Amino acid sequence: MVQKDPIDDPQNYKFGVFYFNRTDIRVVVPKRSRILGYSLNFANWKSYVFMLLLILAASYFIYFKGNIVKA
């Protein structure tokens, strides 16, 4: 018997966009249309840590490493 991938189940999506599956241990999952890339499993706490680190890294580089001309 072939097991269906949980990302194909529409019940695992909030508002039809955000993947939310508590039983899926993956943090990064392929999107329903796999050619469009990857998404996060918002039921996993590690995805929120990943997003926070990404925002902090982007903020650091923009604020400290940006080419801002100071008068």
Protein backbone atom coordinates (compact mmCIF):
# COMPACT_ATOMS: atom_id res chain seq x y z
CA MET A 1 0.00 0.00 0.00
CA VAL A 2 1.35 3.40 -0.99
CA GLN A 3 1.24 5.93 1.81
CA LYS A 4 0.01 9.40 0.88
CA ASP A 5 2.27 12.36 1.72
CA PRO A 6 0.63 14.56 4.39
CA ILE A 7 1.37 17.72 2.40
CA ASP A 8 -1.21 16.59 -0.16
CA ASP A 9 -4.02 16.56 2.44
CA PRO A 10 -5.96 19.86 2.42
CA GLN A 11 -6.87 19.33 6.09
CA ASN A 12 -3.23 20.07 6.99
CA TYR A 13 -3.45 23.68 5.80
CA LYS A 14 -4.66 26.74 7.70
CA PHE A 15 -6.48 29.22 5.48
CA GLY A 16 -5.45 27.04 2.54
CA VAL A 17 -1.92 28.48 2.62
CA PHE A 18 -0.05 27.68 5.85
CA TYR A 19 1.02 24.06 6.35
CA PHE A 20 0.14 23.00 9.92
CA ASN A 21 0.54 19.34 10.83
CA ARG A 22 1.46 18.33 14.40
CA THR A 23 2.23 14.74 13.42
CA ASP A 24 4.75 15.74 10.73
CA ILE A 25 8.20 16.21 12.30
CA ARG A 26 9.65 18.04 9.29
CA VAL A 27 10.32 21.75 9.67
CA VAL A 28 10.80 22.51 5.98
CA VAL A 29 8.31 20.79 3.68
CA PRO A 30 7.73 20.97 -0.07
CA LYS A 31 4.77 23.04 -1.18
CA ARG A 32 1.69 21.35 -2.60
CA SER A 33 2.87 22.32 -6.05
CA ARG A 34 6.42 21.04 -5.58
CA ILE A 35 7.82 23.14 -8.41
CA LEU A 36 7.12 26.30 -6.36
CA GLY A 37 9.67 25.42 -3.67
CA TYR A 38 9.39 24.87 0.06
CA SER A 39 7.39 26.07 3.03
CA LEU A 40 7.53 25.73 6.81
CA ASN A 41 5.48 23.44 9.03
CA PHE A 42 3.95 26.00 11.39
CA ALA A 43 2.92 23.28 13.86
CA ASN A 44 6.60 22.70 14.64
CA TRP A 45 8.18 25.14 17.11
CA LYS A 46 11.48 24.91 15.25
CA SER A 47 9.97 26.73 12.27
CA TYR A 48 9.36 29.80 14.46
CA VAL A 49 12.97 29.68 15.68
CA PHE A 50 14.13 29.40 12.08
CA MET A 51 12.04 32.44 11.06
CA LEU A 52 13.30 34.47 14.03
CA LEU A 53 16.94 33.67 13.21
CA LEU A 54 16.37 34.59 9.58
CA ILE A 55 14.81 37.93 10.53
CA LEU A 56 17.60 38.67 13.02
CA ALA A 57 20.30 37.84 10.45
CA ALA A 58 18.66 40.03 7.80
CA SER A 59 18.24 42.88 10.29
CA TYR A 60 21.88 42.61 11.36
CA PHE A 61 23.18 42.83 7.81
CA ILE A 62 20.86 45.68 6.90
CA TYR A 63 21.63 47.70 10.02
CA PHE A 64 25.35 47.02 10.57
CA LYS A 65 26.66 46.04 7.16
CA GLY A 66 24.55 48.27 4.95
CA ASN A 67 26.23 51.00 2.92
CA ILE A 68 24.53 53.85 4.70
CA VAL A 69 26.20 57.21 4.13
CA LYS A 70 26.37 59.16 7.35
CA ALA A 71 26.72 62.92 7.10
